[in-house]
Every structure is written in C-alpha cells, then in structure tokens.
Amino acid sequence: MPGQSPSGRPANAVGRQLRLWAEALAAAVAPLVVMAVVAALGLWAAGAEALPEGAFPYVVAATVLLAVGVPLDLTGSAAFIAQAQGGITGLPLSVTLVGALVGGAVFLRPLRHRALVGPVELAGRTVRTAALWLALLLLVRQFAQHTFTVPTGDSLLDQLGTIFGGAPTVGFRAAPAATVGIGLAWLCGVLLLAFLIARRAPLPRHLLRLHATVRPAGHAVLTLLTGYVLVGLVVGLVSAATDGHPRDTIAVLLLALPNLAWIALGVGIGGSWHGHSAGTIGLPVPEPLASVLQASRTSDVTLDLSSLSQQDGRSWLLLALAVVMVLLTGVGAALHSPDRLPLWRYALNLAVALAVAVLAIGLLTTVSAEFGLSLLGLDSGAGGLHLSPDLLVTVPLGALWGAVAGLLGGLLARSRPRRTGRP
C-alpha cells in the first residue's frame, strides 16, 4: 500500500493514536455522564421536574457545572418594575464525588497492568483528556443558561406583574472563562489525586518513592472520607424510610451527602464552621444543623460540636465516631507502609494527609447562595445560605488527630502482618 512500510508501522501508529484518543474521550465523557445522571435523579427527587417552561434539563446542566466548581450568576427582571439578582457558589458534593471517582478510574484503567509510565506518555494522555473535557464542558455550559418566569407567592404582586408586563423572571448562567479555568483545575486535581492515592496506579520512575511515602496515608484518608459517606448513606436511607419525607431525603443523598458527612467529620474532631441560613433556599438538612444555622438570619453563628449538642444531645456521637474512624485510618495507613518505618514517620505522614484532607473539606463545603426578588419596591421573598469553615482551627486539629492516630496505628500495626504491596 502506498505510504506504508512492509512492517505496517504507519498503520500501527495511526491505530495507536486512535486508541489513545478513544481512551481520552472515555475519560472525559464518563464523569460528565455519571454526574448528569446523579444530578438529574437528585433534582427530580427535590421536585425540580416541576420547574416552569421546561427548565429541568437546563438546571441539570447547571448542577453539573456547580459540581465541577463553576459558580452560577442568577439574574432576573420583570420589565421595568422588577429586579432580581444573586448567585450560587457551592458544590453538590454527591455529584462531584461520583464524577471524580469515575473520571479517575476510567483515566487509570488503560494503565492498570503496568508498573511504570513515562512522563511524556502521561503528559500526552493528560493533554488529550483535558482538551476533550474542556470542549464537552463548554457544550454543557451552553445548556446551563436559561430564563423562566416564577410566581412571587403573592396574588396581588402576580396580578400587578401580569397587568404591567412585569412578571418576574429568573435566569442563570456561567461565565465562559470561569468554566474553562475552573473546569481545567478540577480535572487536573482529580487526575493528580488519582495518581497520588491509588495504590496500583503506575508512576514515572523518578516518582516511585511516592508509593511508599504518600500513598499509604493518602489512600487511608480517602478510605476515611468514603467511610463517612457510607455511614451517612446508611443513616439517610433509614431516615428516608421512617421520617415520612422520602423524596426530600433522597434528594439530599443524591446531591449533598458528602457535604453533610464531611462536615460531621470536621465537627467530630473539634472543628467549626460559621454561617447562617434564611429563607427557603437549599435542600432540607438534619434538624440540629438547620436550627443552628437559622438561629440568626443576618449574622453568622458558630457551627461546632457544642452548638449542635445544644440542639440534640446525640450530636456527641460524632466525637465517638471520629475517634473510631480516625484510629482505624491510622492502622490502615501503617499496615500499608514500608517495614521498619520509625514511629514518628507514621505520625508525620498521617498528620500531613489528614490536615490536607480537612483543608479540602473546608474549601469544598463552603457555600454562598443568595437570591432576592423585588417587584414595585415590595419584597416578595429573599433567601440565602452561607457557610464557611474556620480553617485556622480545623486544619491544625486535623494534623493533631492525624499525628496521634498515625502513632497509635504504627504501634498497633507492628504486631500485625504487613501488606506493603508494590507499584
């Protein structure tokens, strides 16, 4: 065949490139598909299918962008007599977590039988995946913008809006620059964590030391975070079966389960958040948490173990849960660490890993959602939810708990068989 050597190398090269692009496409498509499915189910459970003017698919697309970290701008108007404005910054972490786990797994799957990966090949795979990911994310952004009419809840205001052509409308959109920048950062973060934490993922030769120093503690902390989500899932399913509002509870599980579970971890180790809630924006949350946040509708209150226990004495169980779960994390990290490691290294490795995890929890659970609508100068409703962590307190506590758990885990693991594994 013209242009092809007898050995068939050009054809093989073309076939390899097609295979690499197909693998990159799978790694880009899979997380978006699974995030869209989880978001759609969660929004359906929350009643979003009843939104006017066929807004449901647009809201699903907007939720996927929120899950990646892209903020949404909310705007509205009612001809010349009404104005609405606000915004949402926050992650529906159920959607985010599923997308991250699936995206990392699909990206690593073609490399699962290899011990090493070259830096050039790894960079090429990352660039191809990032290019396709951004193209698809910008396509999602085209659907994540919509405007629809909403009722004010007041019959007089609704009638005035109809008479004067001022029916209130609400729209949402995401900026292209934020979509590209934050979307690329999200993908890079997911792939970096996948290589740092996954014990069987191949590494470039000069980074093999990470397999013995970073991965045991990192994988143990990932197991801790996943364990908290599973505990929250069990509690949520029991609540859905007994509280008489199963759809609301399922909506929380499908959209914001890690938000609540990981705040429970932070509070359990003594950390704190600050915030307040007003109006009706947001999903239903556990009663003690809602009571604390709604104690003041304008100024921030402190969300910690003490304030939660004042609303429900069972909140002290979060401390007991943290003791058990973090200690098991220390044992798990020690069992997968190299033999004859000094005890202080167990403590240091887990202290760093848990401090980083608590920092990430604080940043990921930060929420700022606000919306207000006025018609003819009359307030027809406003709401908001604001929640931010006290990182100067929570992160050092995470490091302290990690150090103690790492030390105790190292002592307990010395009498147990080791499972160091090899990359």
Protein backbone atom coordinates (compact mmCIF):
# COMPACT_ATOMS: atom_id res chain seq x y z
CA MET A 1 0.00 0.00 0.00
CA PRO A 2 1.42 3.44 -0.86
CA GLY A 3 2.81 5.38 2.11
CA GLN A 4 3.04 2.29 4.29
CA SER A 5 6.16 0.25 5.06
CA PRO A 6 6.07 -3.54 4.81
CA SER A 7 6.11 -3.75 8.58
CA GLY A 8 2.84 -1.81 8.80
CA ARG A 9 4.26 0.77 11.21
CA PRO A 10 2.30 3.78 9.84
CA ALA A 11 -0.95 1.86 10.20
CA ASN A 12 0.04 0.76 13.69
CA ALA A 13 0.90 4.35 14.61
CA VAL A 14 -2.47 5.60 13.36
CA GLY A 15 -4.23 2.83 15.22
CA ARG A 16 -2.38 3.67 18.43
CA GLN A 17 -3.28 7.35 18.14
CA LEU A 18 -6.93 6.48 17.57
CA ARG A 19 -6.84 4.22 20.62
CA LEU A 20 -5.26 6.94 22.76
CA TRP A 21 -7.86 9.49 21.67
CA ALA A 22 -10.65 6.98 22.33
CA GLU A 23 -9.33 6.39 25.83
CA ALA A 24 -9.12 10.14 26.40
CA LEU A 25 -12.68 10.58 25.15
CA ALA A 26 -13.89 7.91 27.55
CA ALA A 27 -12.10 9.61 30.47
CA ALA A 28 -13.73 12.93 29.53
CA VAL A 29 -17.23 11.65 28.80
CA ALA A 30 -17.67 9.17 31.66
CA PRO A 31 -17.55 11.67 34.57
CA LEU A 32 -19.91 14.09 32.81
CA VAL A 33 -22.43 11.34 32.05
CA VAL A 34 -22.46 9.96 35.58
CA MET A 35 -22.64 13.46 37.09
CA ALA A 36 -25.58 14.33 34.84
CA VAL A 37 -27.42 11.13 35.83
CA VAL A 38 -26.89 11.66 39.58
CA ALA A 39 -27.80 15.36 39.30
CA ALA A 40 -30.96 14.58 37.34
CA LEU A 41 -32.09 11.97 39.87
CA GLY A 42 -31.35 14.27 42.80
CA LEU A 43 -33.14 17.24 41.24
CA TRP A 44 -36.10 15.05 40.34
CA ALA A 45 -36.32 13.89 43.94
CA ALA A 46 -36.19 17.54 45.00
CA GLY A 47 -39.15 18.34 42.73
CA ALA A 48 -37.23 20.29 40.09
CA GLU A 49 -39.07 18.46 37.30
CA ALA A 50 -41.98 20.82 38.01
CA LEU A 51 -39.98 23.93 37.15
CA PRO A 52 -41.82 26.09 34.60
CA GLU A 53 -41.05 26.40 30.90
CA GLY A 54 -39.11 23.15 30.61
CA ALA A 55 -36.25 24.36 32.78
CA PHE A 56 -35.36 20.94 34.22
CA PRO A 57 -32.65 19.87 31.70
CA TYR A 58 -31.06 23.32 31.93
CA VAL A 59 -30.97 23.08 35.72
CA VAL A 60 -29.34 19.65 35.44
CA ALA A 61 -26.61 21.11 33.23
CA ALA A 62 -26.14 23.98 35.69
CA THR A 63 -25.83 21.49 38.57
CA VAL A 64 -23.09 19.63 36.70
CA LEU A 65 -21.17 22.89 36.35
CA LEU A 66 -21.66 23.60 40.05
CA ALA A 67 -20.33 20.12 40.83
CA VAL A 68 -17.14 20.99 38.94
CA GLY A 69 -16.85 24.21 40.96
CA VAL A 70 -18.06 26.72 38.35
CA PRO A 71 -20.14 29.46 40.05
CA LEU A 72 -23.50 30.48 38.62
CA ASP A 73 -24.78 34.02 38.31
CA LEU A 74 -28.50 34.48 38.98
CA THR A 75 -30.28 37.42 37.40
CA GLY A 76 -33.88 38.34 36.81
CA SER A 77 -36.22 41.09 35.84
CA ALA A 78 -39.85 41.99 35.39
CA ALA A 79 -39.90 44.52 32.58
CA PHE A 80 -39.05 47.91 34.12
CA ILE A 81 -40.51 47.32 37.55
CA ALA A 82 -38.77 44.30 38.95
CA GLN A 83 -35.23 43.27 39.58
CA ALA A 84 -33.67 40.08 40.84
CA GLN A 85 -30.09 39.25 41.50
CA GLY A 86 -27.96 36.80 43.37
CA GLY A 87 -25.58 33.95 42.85
CA ILE A 88 -24.63 30.45 43.88
CA THR A 89 -21.16 29.26 44.82
CA GLY A 90 -21.04 25.79 46.27
CA LEU A 91 -20.59 22.17 45.31
CA PRO A 92 -23.25 19.45 45.31
CA LEU A 93 -20.59 17.04 46.52
CA SER A 94 -22.53 13.85 45.80
CA VAL A 95 -22.36 14.75 42.12
CA THR A 96 -18.74 15.90 42.44
CA LEU A 97 -17.57 12.77 44.25
CA VAL A 98 -19.16 10.36 41.78
CA GLY A 99 -17.69 12.25 38.83
CA ALA A 100 -14.22 12.35 40.39
CA LEU A 101 -14.18 8.65 41.25
CA VAL A 102 -15.42 7.60 37.81
CA GLY A 103 -13.14 10.03 35.96
CA GLY A 104 -10.04 8.91 37.84
CA ALA A 105 -10.88 5.21 37.42
CA VAL A 106 -11.52 5.48 33.67
CA PHE A 107 -8.33 7.51 33.14
CA LEU A 108 -6.22 4.94 35.02
CA ARG A 109 -7.87 1.84 33.53
CA PRO A 110 -5.64 1.58 30.39
CA LEU A 111 -2.58 1.69 32.69
CA ARG A 112 -3.79 -0.83 35.27
CA HIS A 113 -1.40 -3.65 34.23
CA ARG A 114 1.73 -1.50 34.12
CA ALA A 115 4.30 -0.82 36.80
CA LEU A 116 5.75 2.35 35.24
CA VAL A 117 4.54 5.11 32.97
CA GLY A 118 6.77 7.56 31.14
CA PRO A 119 6.33 11.27 31.84
CA VAL A 120 5.91 12.05 28.13
CA GLU A 121 3.16 9.46 27.74
CA LEU A 122 1.47 10.64 30.93
CA ALA A 123 1.56 14.26 29.78
CA GLY A 124 0.13 13.27 26.40
CA ARG A 125 -2.73 11.36 27.97
CA THR A 126 -3.47 14.29 30.25
CA VAL A 127 -3.43 16.87 27.46
CA ARG A 128 -5.73 14.83 25.23
CA THR A 129 -8.18 14.22 28.07
CA ALA A 130 -8.12 17.88 29.11
CA ALA A 131 -8.77 19.11 25.56
CA LEU A 132 -11.81 16.87 25.14
CA TRP A 133 -13.01 17.59 28.68
CA LEU A 134 -12.98 21.35 28.12
CA ALA A 135 -14.78 21.01 24.80
CA LEU A 136 -17.52 18.94 26.41
CA LEU A 137 -17.72 21.25 29.43
CA LEU A 138 -18.23 24.28 27.20
CA LEU A 139 -21.01 22.35 25.48
CA VAL A 140 -22.63 21.73 28.86
CA ARG A 141 -22.30 25.45 29.59
CA GLN A 142 -24.41 26.22 26.51
CA PHE A 143 -27.28 24.32 28.14
CA ALA A 144 -26.59 25.70 31.62
CA GLN A 145 -28.26 29.03 30.93
CA HIS A 146 -31.96 29.62 31.00
CA THR A 147 -34.59 32.17 31.98
CA PHE A 148 -38.08 31.32 33.19
CA THR A 149 -40.98 33.03 34.91
CA VAL A 150 -41.55 32.37 38.59
CA PRO A 151 -44.53 33.13 40.83
CA THR A 152 -43.94 35.60 43.65
CA GLY A 153 -46.18 33.77 46.11
CA ASP A 154 -48.32 36.87 46.48
CA SER A 155 -51.53 37.04 44.37
CA LEU A 156 -51.50 40.87 44.29
CA LEU A 157 -47.92 41.02 43.06
CA ASP A 158 -48.63 38.33 40.46
CA GLN A 159 -51.65 40.30 39.18
CA LEU A 160 -49.64 43.53 39.01
CA GLY A 161 -46.89 41.74 37.14
CA THR A 162 -49.41 40.45 34.61
CA ILE A 163 -51.08 43.84 34.15
CA PHE A 164 -47.86 45.80 33.71
CA GLY A 165 -45.95 43.13 31.82
CA GLY A 166 -43.72 42.72 34.81
CA ALA A 167 -43.99 39.03 35.53
CA PRO A 168 -40.82 38.14 37.45
CA THR A 169 -38.24 36.07 35.62
CA VAL A 170 -35.16 34.32 36.90
CA GLY A 171 -32.17 33.32 34.84
CA PHE A 172 -28.85 31.65 35.47
CA ARG A 173 -25.65 31.39 33.51
CA ALA A 174 -21.96 30.60 33.91
CA ALA A 175 -19.11 32.69 32.55
CA PRO A 176 -17.02 31.02 29.80
CA ALA A 177 -13.71 31.99 31.39
CA ALA A 178 -14.72 30.51 34.74
CA THR A 179 -15.94 27.36 33.02
CA VAL A 180 -12.60 26.83 31.27
CA GLY A 181 -10.33 27.81 34.15
CA ILE A 182 -12.14 26.07 36.99
CA GLY A 183 -13.06 23.09 34.84
CA LEU A 184 -9.41 22.54 33.89
CA ALA A 185 -8.31 22.90 37.52
CA TRP A 186 -10.95 20.34 38.59
CA LEU A 187 -9.77 17.76 36.07
CA CYS A 188 -6.10 18.26 36.93
CA GLY A 189 -6.88 17.92 40.62
CA VAL A 190 -8.81 14.69 40.07
CA LEU A 191 -6.03 13.13 37.98
CA LEU A 192 -3.33 14.25 40.43
CA LEU A 193 -5.19 12.72 43.37
CA ALA A 194 -5.79 9.54 41.39
CA PHE A 195 -2.05 9.03 40.88
CA LEU A 196 -1.11 10.06 44.41
CA ILE A 197 -3.70 7.90 46.19
CA ALA A 198 -4.46 4.86 44.01
CA ARG A 199 -2.09 2.15 45.23
CA ARG A 200 -2.00 0.27 41.92
CA ALA A 201 -1.61 3.25 39.59
CA PRO A 202 1.74 3.34 37.73
CA LEU A 203 4.17 6.17 38.37
CA PRO A 204 7.09 7.67 36.47
CA ARG A 205 10.33 6.07 37.60
CA HIS A 206 11.62 9.17 39.44
CA LEU A 207 8.38 9.35 41.47
CA LEU A 208 8.32 5.75 42.68
CA ARG A 209 9.22 6.85 46.20
CA LEU A 210 5.69 8.28 46.47
CA HIS A 211 4.38 4.74 46.55
CA ALA A 212 5.96 4.18 49.96
CA THR A 213 5.71 7.68 51.43
CA VAL A 214 2.49 9.29 50.18
CA ARG A 215 0.15 6.54 49.04
CA PRO A 216 -0.36 4.59 52.31
CA ALA A 217 -1.55 7.64 54.26
CA GLY A 218 -3.33 9.18 51.27
CA HIS A 219 -5.26 6.02 50.48
CA ALA A 220 -6.15 5.55 54.15
CA VAL A 221 -7.56 9.08 54.35
CA LEU A 222 -9.54 8.53 51.14
CA THR A 223 -10.97 5.40 52.77
CA LEU A 224 -11.86 7.50 55.83
CA LEU A 225 -13.75 10.04 53.71
CA THR A 226 -15.51 7.28 51.79
CA GLY A 227 -16.38 5.55 55.04
CA TYR A 228 -18.04 8.70 56.37
CA VAL A 229 -20.10 8.94 53.18
CA LEU A 230 -21.19 5.31 53.54
CA VAL A 231 -22.18 5.86 57.18
CA GLY A 232 -24.15 8.91 56.10
CA LEU A 233 -25.80 6.89 53.34
CA VAL A 234 -26.99 4.26 55.82
CA VAL A 235 -28.33 6.94 58.18
CA GLY A 236 -30.01 8.70 55.28
CA LEU A 237 -31.71 5.57 53.96
CA VAL A 238 -33.02 4.76 57.43
CA SER A 239 -34.28 8.34 57.72
CA ALA A 240 -35.94 8.14 54.29
CA ALA A 241 -37.81 5.02 55.39
CA THR A 242 -39.00 6.48 58.69
CA ASP A 243 -39.36 10.27 58.51
CA GLY A 244 -42.29 10.46 56.11
CA HIS A 245 -40.46 12.61 53.53
CA PRO A 246 -38.51 10.08 51.46
CA ARG A 247 -38.13 12.24 48.34
CA ASP A 248 -36.58 15.11 50.26
CA THR A 249 -34.13 12.78 51.98
CA ILE A 250 -33.21 11.01 48.73
CA ALA A 251 -32.59 14.42 47.17
CA VAL A 252 -30.13 15.25 49.94
CA LEU A 253 -28.36 11.90 49.49
CA LEU A 254 -28.03 12.35 45.73
CA LEU A 255 -26.91 15.98 45.85
CA ALA A 256 -25.26 16.82 49.15
CA LEU A 257 -24.44 13.68 51.15
CA PRO A 258 -20.65 14.29 51.33
CA ASN A 259 -21.31 17.93 52.32
CA LEU A 260 -23.03 16.73 55.48
CA ALA A 261 -20.86 13.65 56.10
CA TRP A 262 -17.56 15.52 55.85
CA ILE A 263 -18.80 18.40 57.99
CA ALA A 264 -19.67 15.71 60.54
CA LEU A 265 -16.03 14.56 60.40
CA GLY A 266 -14.72 18.10 60.84
CA VAL A 267 -17.09 18.81 63.72
CA GLY A 268 -16.29 15.44 65.29
CA ILE A 269 -12.59 16.27 65.57
CA GLY A 270 -13.40 19.65 67.15
CA GLY A 271 -13.52 21.87 64.07
CA SER A 272 -16.02 24.63 63.44
CA TRP A 273 -17.88 26.41 60.63
CA HIS A 274 -19.54 29.82 60.56
CA GLY A 275 -22.68 30.75 58.70
CA HIS A 276 -26.40 31.41 58.69
CA SER A 277 -29.48 30.43 56.74
CA ALA A 278 -32.53 32.48 55.80
CA GLY A 279 -35.49 31.85 53.55
CA THR A 280 -36.13 28.62 51.72
CA ILE A 281 -33.08 28.22 49.50
CA GLY A 282 -31.34 24.87 49.76
CA LEU A 283 -32.18 21.27 50.47
CA PRO A 284 -33.56 20.06 53.81
CA VAL A 285 -30.78 19.29 56.28
CA PRO A 286 -30.72 17.50 59.65
CA GLU A 287 -32.76 19.37 62.23
CA PRO A 288 -29.88 20.23 64.62
CA LEU A 289 -27.85 21.71 61.77
CA ALA A 290 -30.81 23.69 60.45
CA SER A 291 -31.62 25.00 63.94
CA VAL A 292 -28.06 26.22 64.48
CA LEU A 293 -27.82 27.96 61.10
CA GLN A 294 -31.24 29.59 61.45
CA ALA A 295 -30.54 30.95 64.93
CA SER A 296 -29.67 34.23 63.24
CA ARG A 297 -30.89 35.17 59.77
CA THR A 298 -28.48 38.06 59.28
CA SER A 299 -25.30 37.40 61.28
CA ASP A 300 -23.11 34.32 61.36
CA VAL A 301 -23.34 31.73 64.09
CA THR A 302 -20.81 29.07 65.02
CA LEU A 303 -21.44 25.50 63.95
CA ASP A 304 -19.48 23.11 66.14
CA LEU A 305 -19.97 20.14 68.42
CA SER A 306 -21.14 22.32 71.29
CA SER A 307 -23.79 24.22 69.33
CA LEU A 308 -25.09 21.02 67.71
CA SER A 309 -25.30 19.22 71.04
CA GLN A 310 -27.39 22.06 72.45
CA GLN A 311 -29.97 21.22 69.78
CA ASP A 312 -29.61 17.44 70.04
CA GLY A 313 -27.58 15.65 72.71
CA ARG A 314 -26.90 12.76 70.33
CA SER A 315 -24.53 15.03 68.43
CA TRP A 316 -21.79 13.96 70.84
CA LEU A 317 -21.80 10.64 68.99
CA LEU A 318 -19.89 12.50 66.25
CA LEU A 319 -16.91 12.62 68.61
CA ALA A 320 -17.06 8.89 69.28
CA LEU A 321 -17.42 8.17 65.56
CA ALA A 322 -14.38 10.33 64.80
CA VAL A 323 -12.27 8.52 67.40
CA VAL A 324 -13.08 5.10 65.93
CA MET A 325 -12.81 6.09 62.26
CA VAL A 326 -9.58 8.10 62.55
CA LEU A 327 -7.91 5.38 64.65
CA LEU A 328 -8.81 2.78 62.02
CA THR A 329 -7.34 5.14 59.42
CA GLY A 330 -4.08 5.20 61.34
CA VAL A 331 -3.96 1.41 61.49
CA GLY A 332 -4.75 1.10 57.79
CA ALA A 333 -2.04 3.57 56.83
CA ALA A 334 0.53 1.78 59.00
CA LEU A 335 -0.33 -1.66 57.58
CA HIS A 336 0.41 -0.48 54.05
CA SER A 337 3.57 1.46 54.93
CA PRO A 338 7.09 0.03 54.47
CA ASP A 339 8.58 -2.23 57.13
CA ARG A 340 10.76 -0.79 59.91
CA LEU A 341 9.43 2.72 59.47
CA PRO A 342 10.10 4.90 62.54
CA LEU A 343 7.02 5.67 64.60
CA TRP A 344 7.42 9.39 64.05
CA ARG A 345 7.10 8.82 60.29
CA TYR A 346 3.72 7.14 60.75
CA ALA A 347 2.62 10.15 62.77
CA LEU A 348 4.03 12.71 60.33
CA ASN A 349 2.65 11.06 57.19
CA LEU A 350 -0.89 10.76 58.54
CA ALA A 351 -0.77 14.22 60.13
CA VAL A 352 0.01 15.80 56.76
CA ALA A 353 -2.54 13.68 54.90
CA LEU A 354 -5.38 14.38 57.35
CA ALA A 355 -4.54 18.09 57.55
CA VAL A 356 -4.71 18.34 53.75
CA ALA A 357 -7.98 16.39 53.75
CA VAL A 358 -9.52 18.68 56.38
CA LEU A 359 -8.37 21.72 54.42
CA ALA A 360 -10.03 20.28 51.31
CA ILE A 361 -13.20 19.52 53.28
CA GLY A 362 -13.36 23.11 54.48
CA LEU A 363 -12.93 24.54 50.99
CA LEU A 364 -15.34 22.07 49.37
CA THR A 365 -18.12 22.63 51.92
CA THR A 366 -18.03 26.42 51.64
CA VAL A 367 -21.42 27.60 50.39
CA SER A 368 -22.69 31.01 49.38
CA ALA A 369 -26.19 31.03 47.88
CA GLU A 370 -28.26 34.16 47.75
CA PHE A 371 -31.31 35.34 45.86
CA GLY A 372 -33.71 38.22 46.21
CA LEU A 373 -36.65 39.46 44.15
CA SER A 374 -38.43 42.76 44.43
CA LEU A 375 -41.45 43.98 42.48
CA LEU A 376 -42.60 47.61 42.61
CA GLY A 377 -40.30 48.06 45.58
CA LEU A 378 -42.10 45.38 47.61
CA ASP A 379 -40.00 42.49 48.89
CA SER A 380 -41.56 39.29 47.58
CA GLY A 381 -39.09 36.91 49.10
CA ALA A 382 -35.40 36.50 49.74
CA GLY A 383 -33.28 33.70 50.95
CA GLY A 384 -29.76 32.56 51.34
CA LEU A 385 -27.35 30.07 52.82
CA HIS A 386 -23.82 30.96 53.85
CA LEU A 387 -21.36 28.53 55.37
CA SER A 388 -17.59 28.80 55.66
CA PRO A 389 -15.02 26.87 57.74
CA ASP A 390 -12.71 28.14 60.44
CA LEU A 391 -9.58 26.76 58.80
CA LEU A 392 -7.18 28.21 61.37
CA VAL A 393 -8.77 25.94 63.97
CA THR A 394 -9.91 22.92 61.96
CA VAL A 395 -6.75 22.24 59.92
CA PRO A 396 -4.37 22.14 62.94
CA LEU A 397 -6.85 19.87 64.71
CA GLY A 398 -6.79 17.58 61.68
CA ALA A 399 -3.00 17.45 61.83
CA LEU A 400 -3.08 16.69 65.56
CA TRP A 401 -5.62 13.90 65.17
CA GLY A 402 -3.61 12.50 62.27
CA ALA A 403 -0.39 12.51 64.27
CA VAL A 404 -1.96 10.72 67.23
CA ALA A 405 -3.77 8.20 65.01
CA GLY A 406 -0.62 7.60 62.97
CA LEU A 407 1.43 6.95 66.11
CA LEU A 408 -1.17 4.61 67.63
CA GLY A 409 -1.71 2.93 64.29
CA GLY A 410 2.02 2.32 63.94
CA LEU A 411 2.15 0.74 67.40
CA LEU A 412 -0.84 -1.49 66.73
CA ALA A 413 0.27 -2.47 63.23
CA ARG A 414 3.72 -3.67 64.37
CA SER A 415 2.14 -6.82 65.73
CA ARG A 416 0.14 -7.48 62.55
CA PRO A 417 1.24 -8.85 59.14
CA ARG A 418 2.24 -6.12 56.69
CA ARG A 419 0.71 -5.61 53.24
CA THR A 420 3.12 -3.18 51.67
CA GLY A 421 2.38 -4.11 48.05
CA ARG A 422 4.40 -2.92 45.09
CA PRO A 423 3.59 -0.36 42.42
